[in-house]
Amino acid sequence: AFFLASGGGSAVGVLRCALMRGDAPRYALLTTAYVLPGWRQRGVLRELVDAAASWCAERGVTDLRLRVYTANTSAD
């Protein structure tokens, strides 16, 4: 699922949430998180993560994991 944040009449952030299955119980993998620079530090990503967590909980999934690439220096 993709979650989209809007502000000022346009998209300002996005978060991808994929339900995963494996040897362990199901979990959700959060990836593709992006917020426009002018909208950072305003809680946009927090709202997207909260929306994804609620969506997952509705499906019985409470384990959320974040994929982070350490070489992604632009995310600092």
Protein backbone atom coordinates (compact mmCIF):
# COMPACT_ATOMS: atom_id res chain seq x y z
CA ALA A 1 0.00 0.00 0.00
CA PHE A 2 1.11 3.55 -0.64
CA PHE A 3 0.24 6.36 1.72
CA LEU A 4 0.23 9.91 0.41
CA ALA A 5 0.36 13.13 2.42
CA SER A 6 -1.00 16.31 0.92
CA GLY A 7 -0.59 19.93 1.82
CA GLY A 8 -1.27 23.16 0.04
CA GLY A 9 -3.23 21.34 -2.64
CA SER A 10 -0.47 18.96 -3.71
CA ALA A 11 1.37 15.82 -2.62
CA VAL A 12 4.09 16.51 -0.06
CA GLY A 13 5.05 13.02 1.14
CA VAL A 14 4.77 9.32 0.40
CA LEU A 15 5.36 6.06 2.27
CA ARG A 16 5.19 2.50 0.96
CA CYS A 17 4.10 -0.31 3.27
CA ALA A 18 4.38 -3.94 2.15
CA LEU A 19 2.98 -6.88 4.09
CA MET A 20 5.65 -9.59 4.22
CA ARG A 21 5.44 -13.28 4.92
CA GLY A 22 8.28 -15.53 5.89
CA ASP A 23 9.33 -18.08 8.46
CA ALA A 24 8.42 -15.69 11.26
CA PRO A 25 4.94 -14.21 11.72
CA ARG A 26 3.86 -11.65 9.16
CA TYR A 27 5.35 -8.20 9.38
CA ALA A 28 5.15 -4.96 7.46
CA LEU A 29 8.11 -3.41 5.71
CA LEU A 30 8.15 0.38 5.42
CA THR A 31 10.09 1.67 2.42
CA THR A 32 10.10 4.50 -0.09
CA ALA A 33 9.62 7.21 2.51
CA TYR A 34 9.95 10.72 1.13
CA VAL A 35 8.81 14.16 2.25
CA LEU A 36 9.45 17.30 0.21
CA PRO A 37 12.26 19.33 1.80
CA GLY A 38 10.00 22.31 2.54
CA TRP A 39 7.62 20.06 4.47
CA ARG A 40 10.17 18.25 6.64
CA GLN A 41 10.20 18.67 10.42
CA ARG A 42 6.41 19.22 10.39
CA GLY A 43 5.27 15.72 11.35
CA VAL A 44 4.39 14.61 7.83
CA LEU A 45 6.33 11.35 7.99
CA ARG A 46 4.99 10.65 11.49
CA GLU A 47 1.42 10.95 10.13
CA LEU A 48 2.27 8.62 7.25
CA VAL A 49 3.79 6.03 9.60
CA ASP A 50 0.77 6.29 11.91
CA ALA A 51 -1.57 5.75 8.95
CA ALA A 52 0.45 2.71 7.84
CA ALA A 53 0.47 1.31 11.39
CA SER A 54 -3.32 1.65 11.62
CA TRP A 55 -3.73 -0.01 8.22
CA CYS A 56 -1.49 -2.88 9.34
CA ALA A 57 -3.28 -3.27 12.68
CA GLU A 58 -6.59 -3.62 10.82
CA ARG A 59 -4.98 -6.60 9.09
CA GLY A 60 -3.62 -8.14 12.29
CA VAL A 61 -0.02 -7.05 11.70
CA THR A 62 1.71 -5.22 14.57
CA ASP A 63 5.38 -5.76 13.65
CA LEU A 64 6.57 -2.89 11.44
CA ARG A 65 10.12 -2.76 10.14
CA LEU A 66 11.89 0.07 8.39
CA ARG A 67 14.33 -0.53 5.55
CA VAL A 68 17.13 2.03 5.62
CA TYR A 69 20.12 2.32 3.33
CA THR A 70 23.12 3.62 5.24
CA ALA A 71 24.56 5.15 2.07
CA ASN A 72 21.52 7.43 1.72
CA THR A 73 23.17 10.58 3.04
CA SER A 74 20.40 12.79 1.63
CA ALA A 75 18.09 11.38 4.33
CA ASP A 76 20.09 13.05 7.10
